[in-house]
Amino acid sequence: MSSGHHRRCAALFALVLLVTIGPSAVLGHAELDTASPADKSTVTGSPPEVVFTFTEPVNPTKSSLKLVDGGGAIVADGSTVDPADAKKMHLVVPTQPPGAYTVRWTTASALDGDIARGTTTFTIVAATPSPSVVPSATASPSAAASEAASPSTSAPSASPAPSPAPSGGGGTPTSTRDAVIPVIGALIVLAGLGLWLLRGRSRRVG
């Protein structure tokens, strides 16, 4: 058998070995697929939870997520596997102050039990409070001037002053004098006419 034939057989055997063994080696670990918060990200305010997704279903009893603060203390533990998706794990996070944090993850593949470990980091920054609007305690000068310039519609109007009563007593005596004067004049005229008639009669008699 020639050496070329041996080389072809060896190459074929290596290819078959790679095809049969390779997939099991690749699928042997539940490696990290996605992370929230993302690795090396910055988040505003403390996140309510950490959610990691892996490349294989994980064994809940041998897999975990732990949140560690900048001083190395574990501040969140007790992760759970999502019952609807065995590749996803959740870790509830109590409210944390601003700072740098590390997530330590450990998985045991539910397919073959292989163990994988890793870490991610993220930073929490304080949320900026929105400015509150404080109502003004006093009216602006322009508004006060406008109110002072405009007359009040609720103020009662001044009642007209009563007309003064005529001076010099009541009106009745004045009207009586006006009526008596013509009568006196008429009597004088009648007396004169009577005297004139008497004189004329006495002249005719003499």
N, C-alpha and C. Protein backbone atom coordinates (compact mmCIF):
# COMPACT_ATOMS: atom_id res chain seq x y z
N MET A 1 0.87 -1.18 0.00
CA MET A 1 0.00 0.00 0.00
C MET A 1 0.90 1.22 0.00
N SER A 2 0.59 2.18 -0.91
CA SER A 2 1.44 3.36 -1.07
C SER A 2 1.23 4.34 0.07
N SER A 3 2.24 5.23 0.22
CA SER A 3 2.16 6.25 1.27
C SER A 3 1.03 7.24 1.00
N GLY A 4 0.72 7.48 -0.28
CA GLY A 4 -0.37 8.40 -0.60
C GLY A 4 -1.69 7.85 -0.12
N HIS A 5 -1.87 6.56 -0.26
CA HIS A 5 -3.12 5.95 0.20
C HIS A 5 -3.23 6.07 1.72
N HIS A 6 -2.14 5.92 2.44
CA HIS A 6 -2.14 6.07 3.90
C HIS A 6 -2.51 7.50 4.31
N ARG A 7 -1.99 8.44 3.58
CA ARG A 7 -2.31 9.83 3.92
C ARG A 7 -3.79 10.12 3.70
N ARG A 8 -4.35 9.56 2.61
CA ARG A 8 -5.78 9.78 2.36
C ARG A 8 -6.63 9.15 3.45
N CYS A 9 -6.27 7.98 3.91
CA CYS A 9 -7.01 7.31 4.98
C CYS A 9 -6.91 8.10 6.28
N ALA A 10 -5.74 8.61 6.58
CA ALA A 10 -5.57 9.38 7.82
C ALA A 10 -6.39 10.66 7.78
N ALA A 11 -6.44 11.35 6.63
CA ALA A 11 -7.22 12.57 6.50
C ALA A 11 -8.71 12.28 6.64
N LEU A 12 -9.17 11.16 6.05
CA LEU A 12 -10.58 10.78 6.16
C LEU A 12 -10.95 10.47 7.61
N PHE A 13 -10.07 9.76 8.31
CA PHE A 13 -10.33 9.43 9.71
C PHE A 13 -10.40 10.69 10.57
N ALA A 14 -9.52 11.65 10.32
CA ALA A 14 -9.53 12.90 11.08
C ALA A 14 -10.81 13.68 10.84
N LEU A 15 -11.28 13.64 9.58
CA LEU A 15 -12.52 14.35 9.25
C LEU A 15 -13.71 13.73 9.96
N VAL A 16 -13.77 12.39 9.96
CA VAL A 16 -14.86 11.70 10.65
C VAL A 16 -14.82 11.98 12.14
N LEU A 17 -13.61 11.99 12.72
CA LEU A 17 -13.47 12.27 14.15
C LEU A 17 -13.92 13.68 14.50
N LEU A 18 -13.59 14.64 13.62
CA LEU A 18 -13.97 16.02 13.86
C LEU A 18 -15.48 16.19 13.78
N VAL A 19 -16.10 15.50 12.81
CA VAL A 19 -17.55 15.62 12.65
C VAL A 19 -18.29 15.01 13.82
N THR A 20 -17.80 13.91 14.36
CA THR A 20 -18.50 13.22 15.43
C THR A 20 -18.22 13.80 16.80
N ILE A 21 -17.01 14.29 17.02
CA ILE A 21 -16.63 14.78 18.34
C ILE A 21 -16.80 16.29 18.45
N GLY A 22 -16.62 17.01 17.35
CA GLY A 22 -16.64 18.47 17.38
C GLY A 22 -17.91 19.07 17.95
N PRO A 23 -19.11 18.69 17.48
CA PRO A 23 -20.34 19.31 18.00
C PRO A 23 -20.51 19.12 19.50
N SER A 24 -20.14 17.92 20.02
CA SER A 24 -20.29 17.70 21.45
C SER A 24 -19.35 18.58 22.25
N ALA A 25 -18.16 18.85 21.68
CA ALA A 25 -17.22 19.73 22.38
C ALA A 25 -17.72 21.16 22.39
N VAL A 26 -18.34 21.61 21.24
CA VAL A 26 -18.85 22.98 21.16
C VAL A 26 -20.05 23.16 22.07
N LEU A 27 -20.92 22.17 22.10
CA LEU A 27 -22.14 22.26 22.88
C LEU A 27 -21.97 21.79 24.31
N GLY A 28 -20.76 21.63 24.77
CA GLY A 28 -20.54 21.07 26.09
C GLY A 28 -20.66 22.08 27.21
N HIS A 29 -20.72 23.39 26.94
CA HIS A 29 -20.78 24.41 27.97
C HIS A 29 -21.93 25.39 27.69
N ALA A 30 -22.57 25.84 28.77
CA ALA A 30 -23.60 26.88 28.65
C ALA A 30 -22.91 28.24 28.80
N GLU A 31 -22.45 28.75 27.67
CA GLU A 31 -21.72 30.01 27.68
C GLU A 31 -22.70 31.20 27.64
N LEU A 32 -22.21 32.36 28.07
CA LEU A 32 -23.03 33.56 28.09
C LEU A 32 -23.33 34.02 26.66
N ASP A 33 -24.62 34.29 26.41
CA ASP A 33 -25.05 34.79 25.10
C ASP A 33 -25.35 36.29 25.17
N THR A 34 -26.27 36.70 26.03
CA THR A 34 -26.60 38.12 26.21
C THR A 34 -26.68 38.44 27.69
N ALA A 35 -26.45 39.70 28.03
CA ALA A 35 -26.49 40.15 29.41
C ALA A 35 -27.23 41.49 29.50
N SER A 36 -28.04 41.65 30.54
CA SER A 36 -28.71 42.91 30.82
C SER A 36 -28.63 43.19 32.32
N PRO A 37 -27.94 44.26 32.72
CA PRO A 37 -27.23 45.26 31.92
C PRO A 37 -26.06 44.65 31.13
N ALA A 38 -25.79 45.26 29.99
CA ALA A 38 -24.74 44.75 29.12
C ALA A 38 -23.37 44.92 29.78
N ASP A 39 -22.43 44.08 29.36
CA ASP A 39 -21.08 44.14 29.90
C ASP A 39 -20.44 45.49 29.61
N LYS A 40 -19.83 46.08 30.64
CA LYS A 40 -19.12 47.37 30.56
C LYS A 40 -20.06 48.53 30.21
N SER A 41 -21.35 48.40 30.53
CA SER A 41 -22.31 49.47 30.25
C SER A 41 -22.48 50.38 31.46
N THR A 42 -23.14 51.52 31.25
CA THR A 42 -23.48 52.46 32.32
C THR A 42 -24.99 52.62 32.35
N VAL A 43 -25.58 52.45 33.52
CA VAL A 43 -27.03 52.55 33.66
C VAL A 43 -27.36 53.69 34.62
N THR A 44 -28.48 54.35 34.37
CA THR A 44 -28.95 55.44 35.24
C THR A 44 -29.89 54.88 36.28
N GLY A 45 -29.50 54.96 37.53
CA GLY A 45 -30.31 54.40 38.60
C GLY A 45 -30.10 52.90 38.73
N SER A 46 -30.45 52.37 39.90
CA SER A 46 -30.25 50.94 40.17
C SER A 46 -31.20 50.09 39.32
N PRO A 47 -30.69 49.10 38.55
CA PRO A 47 -31.57 48.24 37.74
C PRO A 47 -32.38 47.33 38.66
N PRO A 48 -33.64 47.04 38.31
CA PRO A 48 -34.45 46.17 39.17
C PRO A 48 -34.00 44.71 39.17
N GLU A 49 -33.36 44.28 38.09
CA GLU A 49 -32.89 42.90 38.03
C GLU A 49 -31.77 42.77 37.00
N VAL A 50 -31.07 41.64 37.10
CA VAL A 50 -30.06 41.25 36.12
C VAL A 50 -30.61 40.04 35.37
N VAL A 51 -30.54 40.07 34.03
CA VAL A 51 -31.06 38.97 33.21
C VAL A 51 -29.96 38.52 32.26
N PHE A 52 -29.59 37.22 32.35
CA PHE A 52 -28.56 36.63 31.49
C PHE A 52 -29.20 35.51 30.66
N THR A 53 -28.78 35.42 29.40
CA THR A 53 -29.20 34.33 28.52
C THR A 53 -27.97 33.55 28.08
N PHE A 54 -28.06 32.21 28.10
CA PHE A 54 -26.90 31.36 27.79
C PHE A 54 -27.16 30.55 26.52
N THR A 55 -26.09 29.93 26.03
CA THR A 55 -26.18 29.21 24.76
C THR A 55 -26.84 27.84 24.90
N GLU A 56 -26.97 27.33 26.14
CA GLU A 56 -27.61 26.03 26.39
C GLU A 56 -28.53 26.15 27.60
N PRO A 57 -29.48 25.24 27.72
CA PRO A 57 -30.27 25.18 28.95
C PRO A 57 -29.36 24.90 30.13
N VAL A 58 -29.68 25.52 31.27
CA VAL A 58 -28.82 25.37 32.43
C VAL A 58 -29.53 24.58 33.52
N ASN A 59 -28.73 23.97 34.36
CA ASN A 59 -29.24 23.22 35.50
C ASN A 59 -29.49 24.20 36.65
N PRO A 60 -30.74 24.40 37.09
CA PRO A 60 -31.03 25.42 38.11
C PRO A 60 -30.30 25.18 39.43
N THR A 61 -30.06 23.93 39.78
CA THR A 61 -29.45 23.64 41.08
C THR A 61 -27.95 23.92 41.10
N LYS A 62 -27.32 24.00 39.93
CA LYS A 62 -25.88 24.20 39.87
C LYS A 62 -25.48 25.48 39.14
N SER A 63 -26.45 26.33 38.84
CA SER A 63 -26.18 27.57 38.12
C SER A 63 -26.59 28.76 38.98
N SER A 64 -25.87 29.86 38.85
CA SER A 64 -26.17 31.02 39.70
C SER A 64 -25.66 32.31 39.09
N LEU A 65 -26.29 33.43 39.54
CA LEU A 65 -25.83 34.79 39.26
C LEU A 65 -25.65 35.48 40.60
N LYS A 66 -24.55 36.22 40.74
CA LYS A 66 -24.29 36.96 41.98
C LYS A 66 -23.81 38.36 41.61
N LEU A 67 -24.37 39.37 42.31
CA LEU A 67 -23.96 40.76 42.07
C LEU A 67 -23.03 41.19 43.19
N VAL A 68 -21.86 41.73 42.80
CA VAL A 68 -20.83 42.13 43.74
C VAL A 68 -20.55 43.62 43.57
N ASP A 69 -20.47 44.35 44.69
CA ASP A 69 -20.19 45.78 44.59
C ASP A 69 -18.70 46.05 44.45
N GLY A 70 -18.33 47.35 44.43
CA GLY A 70 -16.94 47.72 44.23
C GLY A 70 -16.01 47.27 45.34
N GLY A 71 -16.57 47.01 46.54
CA GLY A 71 -15.75 46.56 47.65
C GLY A 71 -15.62 45.05 47.75
N GLY A 72 -16.25 44.31 46.81
CA GLY A 72 -16.15 42.86 46.80
C GLY A 72 -17.25 42.16 47.58
N ALA A 73 -18.21 42.91 48.13
CA ALA A 73 -19.30 42.30 48.88
C ALA A 73 -20.42 41.88 47.95
N ILE A 74 -21.02 40.71 48.24
CA ILE A 74 -22.15 40.24 47.44
C ILE A 74 -23.40 40.98 47.91
N VAL A 75 -24.03 41.74 47.00
CA VAL A 75 -25.20 42.55 47.35
C VAL A 75 -26.49 41.97 46.81
N ALA A 76 -26.40 40.96 45.92
CA ALA A 76 -27.60 40.30 45.40
C ALA A 76 -27.24 38.86 45.07
N ASP A 77 -28.08 37.92 45.52
CA ASP A 77 -27.86 36.50 45.31
C ASP A 77 -29.22 35.83 45.16
N GLY A 78 -29.22 34.54 44.88
CA GLY A 78 -30.49 33.81 44.80
C GLY A 78 -31.15 33.90 43.44
N SER A 79 -30.38 33.74 42.36
CA SER A 79 -30.93 33.80 41.01
C SER A 79 -31.83 32.61 40.74
N THR A 80 -32.69 32.78 39.71
CA THR A 80 -33.61 31.71 39.31
C THR A 80 -33.56 31.53 37.80
N VAL A 81 -33.89 30.30 37.35
CA VAL A 81 -33.98 30.01 35.92
C VAL A 81 -35.40 30.28 35.47
N ASP A 82 -35.54 30.95 34.34
CA ASP A 82 -36.85 31.28 33.80
C ASP A 82 -37.61 29.98 33.48
N PRO A 83 -38.82 29.79 34.05
CA PRO A 83 -39.54 28.54 33.78
C PRO A 83 -39.97 28.40 32.32
N ALA A 84 -40.07 29.53 31.61
CA ALA A 84 -40.47 29.47 30.20
C ALA A 84 -39.29 29.33 29.26
N ASP A 85 -38.07 29.55 29.77
CA ASP A 85 -36.87 29.47 28.93
C ASP A 85 -35.70 29.04 29.81
N ALA A 86 -35.28 27.78 29.70
CA ALA A 86 -34.22 27.23 30.56
C ALA A 86 -32.85 27.81 30.25
N LYS A 87 -32.73 28.62 29.20
CA LYS A 87 -31.46 29.27 28.89
C LYS A 87 -31.34 30.64 29.57
N LYS A 88 -32.39 31.09 30.21
CA LYS A 88 -32.41 32.45 30.78
C LYS A 88 -32.45 32.39 32.30
N MET A 89 -31.64 33.28 32.94
CA MET A 89 -31.59 33.37 34.39
C MET A 89 -31.88 34.81 34.83
N HIS A 90 -32.57 34.95 35.97
CA HIS A 90 -32.94 36.25 36.53
C HIS A 90 -32.34 36.40 37.93
N LEU A 91 -31.92 37.62 38.24
CA LEU A 91 -31.44 37.93 39.58
C LEU A 91 -32.08 39.26 40.00
N VAL A 92 -32.95 39.22 41.01
CA VAL A 92 -33.58 40.45 41.53
C VAL A 92 -32.53 41.25 42.30
N VAL A 93 -32.48 42.57 42.01
CA VAL A 93 -31.45 43.43 42.59
C VAL A 93 -32.11 44.46 43.50
N PRO A 94 -31.80 44.45 44.81
CA PRO A 94 -32.26 45.54 45.67
C PRO A 94 -31.65 46.87 45.20
N THR A 95 -32.29 47.96 45.56
CA THR A 95 -31.79 49.27 45.14
C THR A 95 -30.35 49.48 45.61
N GLN A 96 -29.49 49.83 44.64
CA GLN A 96 -28.06 50.00 44.93
C GLN A 96 -27.64 51.44 44.67
N PRO A 97 -26.64 51.92 45.42
CA PRO A 97 -26.13 53.27 45.18
C PRO A 97 -25.26 53.31 43.93
N PRO A 98 -24.96 54.51 43.43
CA PRO A 98 -24.05 54.62 42.28
C PRO A 98 -22.70 53.98 42.58
N GLY A 99 -22.10 53.39 41.55
CA GLY A 99 -20.80 52.75 41.71
C GLY A 99 -20.59 51.68 40.67
N ALA A 100 -19.44 50.97 40.76
CA ALA A 100 -19.09 49.90 39.83
C ALA A 100 -19.52 48.56 40.42
N TYR A 101 -20.08 47.69 39.57
CA TYR A 101 -20.59 46.39 40.02
C TYR A 101 -20.14 45.29 39.06
N THR A 102 -20.04 44.09 39.62
CA THR A 102 -19.63 42.92 38.85
C THR A 102 -20.66 41.81 39.02
N VAL A 103 -21.02 41.16 37.91
CA VAL A 103 -21.91 40.00 37.96
C VAL A 103 -21.05 38.75 37.76
N ARG A 104 -21.07 37.87 38.75
CA ARG A 104 -20.36 36.58 38.63
C ARG A 104 -21.39 35.51 38.28
N TRP A 105 -21.16 34.84 37.14
CA TRP A 105 -22.10 33.81 36.72
C TRP A 105 -21.43 32.44 36.66
N THR A 106 -22.21 31.45 37.03
CA THR A 106 -21.77 30.05 36.96
C THR A 106 -22.90 29.24 36.37
N THR A 107 -22.59 28.40 35.38
CA THR A 107 -23.62 27.57 34.76
C THR A 107 -23.18 26.11 34.72
N ALA A 108 -24.16 25.25 34.85
CA ALA A 108 -23.96 23.82 34.61
C ALA A 108 -24.91 23.44 33.49
N SER A 109 -24.37 22.97 32.38
CA SER A 109 -25.18 22.62 31.23
C SER A 109 -26.18 21.53 31.59
N ALA A 110 -27.44 21.74 31.22
CA ALA A 110 -28.46 20.72 31.45
C ALA A 110 -28.31 19.57 30.47
N LEU A 111 -27.48 19.71 29.43
CA LEU A 111 -27.30 18.64 28.44
C LEU A 111 -26.26 17.63 28.89
N ASP A 112 -25.10 18.13 29.40
CA ASP A 112 -24.04 17.19 29.79
C ASP A 112 -23.43 17.51 31.15
N GLY A 113 -23.92 18.59 31.82
CA GLY A 113 -23.41 18.91 33.15
C GLY A 113 -22.11 19.67 33.19
N ASP A 114 -21.56 20.07 32.03
CA ASP A 114 -20.30 20.79 32.02
C ASP A 114 -20.47 22.16 32.70
N ILE A 115 -19.45 22.58 33.44
CA ILE A 115 -19.47 23.83 34.20
C ILE A 115 -18.78 24.93 33.40
N ALA A 116 -19.38 26.12 33.42
CA ALA A 116 -18.75 27.30 32.81
C ALA A 116 -18.90 28.46 33.79
N ARG A 117 -17.93 29.39 33.77
CA ARG A 117 -17.96 30.54 34.66
C ARG A 117 -17.49 31.78 33.92
N GLY A 118 -17.90 32.94 34.45
CA GLY A 118 -17.46 34.20 33.84
C GLY A 118 -17.94 35.39 34.65
N THR A 119 -17.56 36.58 34.22
CA THR A 119 -17.98 37.82 34.90
C THR A 119 -18.31 38.88 33.86
N THR A 120 -19.18 39.80 34.26
CA THR A 120 -19.44 41.01 33.48
C THR A 120 -19.45 42.18 34.47
N THR A 121 -19.32 43.38 33.95
CA THR A 121 -19.32 44.57 34.81
C THR A 121 -20.25 45.63 34.24
N PHE A 122 -20.75 46.47 35.12
CA PHE A 122 -21.52 47.65 34.71
C PHE A 122 -21.41 48.70 35.81
N THR A 123 -21.77 49.93 35.46
CA THR A 123 -21.66 51.05 36.40
C THR A 123 -23.02 51.72 36.55
N ILE A 124 -23.37 52.01 37.81
CA ILE A 124 -24.62 52.72 38.10
C ILE A 124 -24.29 54.19 38.35
N VAL A 125 -25.01 55.08 37.69
CA VAL A 125 -24.88 56.52 37.94
C VAL A 125 -26.21 57.03 38.48
N ALA A 126 -26.14 58.12 39.25
CA ALA A 126 -27.35 58.68 39.87
C ALA A 126 -28.24 59.31 38.82
N ALA A 127 -29.54 59.13 39.03
CA ALA A 127 -30.52 59.77 38.14
C ALA A 127 -30.60 61.25 38.46
N THR A 128 -30.67 62.08 37.43
CA THR A 128 -30.77 63.52 37.62
C THR A 128 -32.20 63.89 37.93
N PRO A 129 -32.46 64.49 39.11
CA PRO A 129 -33.86 64.85 39.42
C PRO A 129 -34.35 65.97 38.53
N SER A 130 -35.63 65.88 38.13
CA SER A 130 -36.21 66.93 37.31
C SER A 130 -36.50 68.14 38.17
N PRO A 131 -36.22 69.38 37.66
CA PRO A 131 -36.46 70.58 38.46
C PRO A 131 -37.93 70.77 38.73
N SER A 132 -38.25 71.11 39.98
CA SER A 132 -39.65 71.35 40.33
C SER A 132 -39.99 72.81 40.13
N VAL A 133 -41.23 73.07 39.72
CA VAL A 133 -41.69 74.43 39.47
C VAL A 133 -42.27 74.99 40.76
N VAL A 134 -41.67 76.10 41.27
CA VAL A 134 -42.14 76.73 42.51
C VAL A 134 -43.02 77.90 42.14
N PRO A 135 -44.30 77.91 42.54
CA PRO A 135 -45.17 79.05 42.18
C PRO A 135 -44.71 80.32 42.88
N SER A 136 -44.86 81.45 42.19
CA SER A 136 -44.45 82.74 42.75
C SER A 136 -45.43 83.15 43.83
N ALA A 137 -44.89 83.62 44.98
CA ALA A 137 -45.74 84.00 46.11
C ALA A 137 -46.38 85.36 45.91
N THR A 138 -45.75 86.25 45.11
CA THR A 138 -46.28 87.60 44.90
C THR A 138 -46.53 87.82 43.43
N ALA A 139 -47.47 88.69 43.14
CA ALA A 139 -47.79 88.99 41.75
C ALA A 139 -46.68 89.83 41.15
N SER A 140 -46.48 89.73 39.85
CA SER A 140 -45.46 90.50 39.18
C SER A 140 -45.86 91.97 39.18
N PRO A 141 -44.87 92.90 39.10
CA PRO A 141 -45.19 94.33 39.12
C PRO A 141 -46.15 94.73 38.03
N SER A 142 -46.01 94.18 36.82
CA SER A 142 -46.89 94.55 35.73
C SER A 142 -48.33 94.14 36.02
N ALA A 143 -48.51 92.95 36.63
CA ALA A 143 -49.86 92.50 36.95
C ALA A 143 -50.46 93.37 38.03
N ALA A 144 -49.65 93.75 39.05
CA ALA A 144 -50.15 94.61 40.11
C ALA A 144 -50.55 95.97 39.58
N ALA A 145 -49.74 96.51 38.64
CA ALA A 145 -50.06 97.81 38.05
C ALA A 145 -51.34 97.76 37.25
N SER A 146 -51.55 96.66 36.52
CA SER A 146 -52.77 96.52 35.73
C SER A 146 -53.99 96.47 36.62
N GLU A 147 -53.89 95.74 37.75
CA GLU A 147 -55.01 95.65 38.67
C GLU A 147 -55.30 97.00 39.31
N ALA A 148 -54.24 97.78 39.62
CA ALA A 148 -54.45 99.08 40.24
C ALA A 148 -55.06 100.06 39.25
N ALA A 149 -54.71 99.96 37.95
CA ALA A 149 -55.20 100.90 36.95
C ALA A 149 -56.65 100.64 36.59
N SER A 150 -57.07 99.38 36.61
CA SER A 150 -58.45 99.06 36.20
C SER A 150 -59.38 99.27 37.38
N PRO A 151 -60.54 99.99 37.19
CA PRO A 151 -61.48 100.22 38.30
C PRO A 151 -62.13 98.93 38.71
N SER A 152 -62.49 98.84 39.95
CA SER A 152 -63.15 97.65 40.48
C SER A 152 -64.60 97.65 40.05
N THR A 153 -65.01 96.54 39.47
CA THR A 153 -66.40 96.43 39.00
C THR A 153 -67.36 96.14 40.14
N SER A 154 -66.82 95.69 41.28
CA SER A 154 -67.71 95.34 42.39
C SER A 154 -68.01 96.52 43.29
N ALA A 155 -67.27 97.67 43.15
CA ALA A 155 -67.50 98.81 44.04
C ALA A 155 -68.81 99.48 43.68
N PRO A 156 -69.68 99.78 44.65
CA PRO A 156 -70.97 100.42 44.35
C PRO A 156 -70.76 101.84 43.86
N SER A 157 -71.61 102.30 42.89
CA SER A 157 -71.50 103.65 42.37
C SER A 157 -72.07 104.63 43.37
N ALA A 158 -71.50 105.84 43.35
CA ALA A 158 -71.94 106.86 44.31
C ALA A 158 -73.35 107.30 43.97
N SER A 159 -74.22 107.39 44.98
CA SER A 159 -75.61 107.82 44.76
C SER A 159 -75.64 109.31 44.55
N PRO A 160 -76.53 109.80 43.67
CA PRO A 160 -76.59 111.26 43.41
C PRO A 160 -77.01 112.02 44.65
N ALA A 161 -76.39 113.20 44.84
CA ALA A 161 -76.72 114.03 46.00
C ALA A 161 -78.10 114.62 45.82
N PRO A 162 -78.88 114.65 46.89
CA PRO A 162 -80.25 115.24 46.78
C PRO A 162 -80.17 116.73 46.48
N SER A 163 -81.11 117.22 45.65
CA SER A 163 -81.14 118.64 45.30
C SER A 163 -81.53 119.47 46.51
N PRO A 164 -80.88 120.61 46.71
CA PRO A 164 -81.18 121.44 47.90
C PRO A 164 -82.59 121.99 47.85
N ALA A 165 -83.19 122.09 49.03
CA ALA A 165 -84.55 122.67 49.13
C ALA A 165 -84.49 124.16 48.92
N PRO A 166 -85.50 124.76 48.28
CA PRO A 166 -85.50 126.22 48.05
C PRO A 166 -85.51 126.98 49.37
N SER A 167 -84.70 128.06 49.41
CA SER A 167 -84.63 128.89 50.63
C SER A 167 -85.75 129.91 50.67
N GLY A 168 -86.00 130.54 51.84
CA GLY A 168 -87.00 131.60 51.97
C GLY A 168 -88.37 131.09 52.31
N GLY A 169 -88.47 129.89 52.88
CA GLY A 169 -89.78 129.41 53.32
C GLY A 169 -90.47 128.62 52.27
N GLY A 170 -91.71 128.26 52.52
CA GLY A 170 -92.50 127.46 51.60
C GLY A 170 -92.94 128.25 50.41
N GLY A 171 -93.54 127.62 49.42
CA GLY A 171 -93.96 128.25 48.17
C GLY A 171 -95.34 128.84 48.24
N THR A 172 -96.18 128.49 49.21
CA THR A 172 -97.57 128.94 49.24
C THR A 172 -97.71 130.44 49.43
N PRO A 173 -97.01 131.13 50.40
CA PRO A 173 -97.16 132.58 50.56
C PRO A 173 -96.79 133.35 49.33
N THR A 174 -95.76 132.96 48.61
CA THR A 174 -95.35 133.68 47.40
C THR A 174 -96.43 133.62 46.36
N SER A 175 -97.04 132.48 46.15
CA SER A 175 -98.10 132.36 45.14
C SER A 175 -99.32 133.17 45.54
N THR A 176 -99.64 133.37 46.84
CA THR A 176 -100.80 134.15 47.30
C THR A 176 -100.61 135.62 46.98
N ARG A 177 -99.36 136.14 47.20
CA ARG A 177 -99.09 137.53 46.87
C ARG A 177 -99.29 137.78 45.39
N ASP A 178 -98.82 136.80 44.60
CA ASP A 178 -98.97 136.98 43.16
C ASP A 178 -100.44 137.05 42.75
N ALA A 179 -101.30 136.34 43.47
CA ALA A 179 -102.74 136.36 43.12
C ALA A 179 -103.46 137.61 43.66
N VAL A 180 -103.00 138.18 44.78
CA VAL A 180 -103.69 139.33 45.41
C VAL A 180 -103.42 140.63 44.66
N ILE A 181 -102.21 140.78 44.12
CA ILE A 181 -101.84 142.04 43.44
C ILE A 181 -102.78 142.35 42.29
N PRO A 182 -103.13 141.44 41.39
CA PRO A 182 -104.08 141.77 40.32
C PRO A 182 -105.48 142.15 40.85
N VAL A 183 -105.87 141.47 41.93
CA VAL A 183 -107.20 141.79 42.50
C VAL A 183 -107.24 143.22 43.01
N ILE A 184 -106.18 143.61 43.70
CA ILE A 184 -106.12 144.99 44.21
C ILE A 184 -106.14 145.99 43.06
N GLY A 185 -105.39 145.66 42.00
CA GLY A 185 -105.38 146.56 40.85
C GLY A 185 -106.76 146.69 40.23
N ALA A 186 -107.45 145.54 40.17
CA ALA A 186 -108.82 145.58 39.60
C ALA A 186 -109.75 146.41 40.47
N LEU A 187 -109.64 146.29 41.79
CA LEU A 187 -110.49 147.10 42.68
C LEU A 187 -110.22 148.57 42.52
N ILE A 188 -108.93 148.94 42.36
CA ILE A 188 -108.59 150.35 42.17
C ILE A 188 -109.23 150.88 40.89
N VAL A 189 -109.15 150.06 39.83
CA VAL A 189 -109.73 150.47 38.54
C VAL A 189 -111.24 150.66 38.70
N LEU A 190 -111.89 149.69 39.38
CA LEU A 190 -113.34 149.79 39.57
C LEU A 190 -113.72 151.02 40.42
N ALA A 191 -112.87 151.27 41.47
CA ALA A 191 -113.17 152.47 42.30
C ALA A 191 -113.04 153.74 41.48
N GLY A 192 -112.02 153.80 40.66
CA GLY A 192 -111.85 154.99 39.83
C GLY A 192 -113.00 155.16 38.84
N LEU A 193 -113.43 154.01 38.27
CA LEU A 193 -114.54 154.07 37.32
C LEU A 193 -115.81 154.51 38.02
N GLY A 194 -115.98 154.06 39.27
CA GLY A 194 -117.19 154.48 40.02
C GLY A 194 -117.17 155.96 40.32
N LEU A 195 -116.03 156.49 40.70
CA LEU A 195 -115.92 157.91 40.94
C LEU A 195 -116.17 158.71 39.69
N TRP A 196 -115.70 158.20 38.59
CA TRP A 196 -115.89 158.94 37.34
C TRP A 196 -117.36 158.97 36.96
N LEU A 197 -118.08 157.91 37.17
CA LEU A 197 -119.50 157.86 36.86
C LEU A 197 -120.30 158.79 37.80
N LEU A 198 -119.90 158.82 39.09
CA LEU A 198 -120.61 159.69 40.04
C LEU A 198 -120.41 161.16 39.66
N ARG A 199 -119.23 161.51 39.25
CA ARG A 199 -118.98 162.90 38.85
C ARG A 199 -119.79 163.27 37.61
N GLY A 200 -119.85 162.38 36.71
CA GLY A 200 -120.63 162.68 35.50
C GLY A 200 -122.11 162.85 35.80
N ARG A 201 -122.62 162.05 36.70
CA ARG A 201 -124.04 162.14 37.03
C ARG A 201 -124.32 163.44 37.78
N SER A 202 -123.39 163.82 38.71
CA SER A 202 -123.59 165.07 39.43
C SER A 202 -123.54 166.28 38.51
N ARG A 203 -122.81 166.25 37.50
CA ARG A 203 -122.73 167.37 36.53
C ARG A 203 -124.04 167.50 35.76
N ARG A 204 -124.62 166.38 35.40
CA ARG A 204 -125.88 166.46 34.67
C ARG A 204 -127.01 166.96 35.55
N VAL A 205 -126.98 166.67 36.81
CA VAL A 205 -128.04 167.11 37.71
C VAL A 205 -127.89 168.61 37.95
N GLY A 206 -126.81 169.26 38.15
CA GLY A 206 -126.60 170.67 38.42
C GLY A 206 -126.85 171.49 37.21
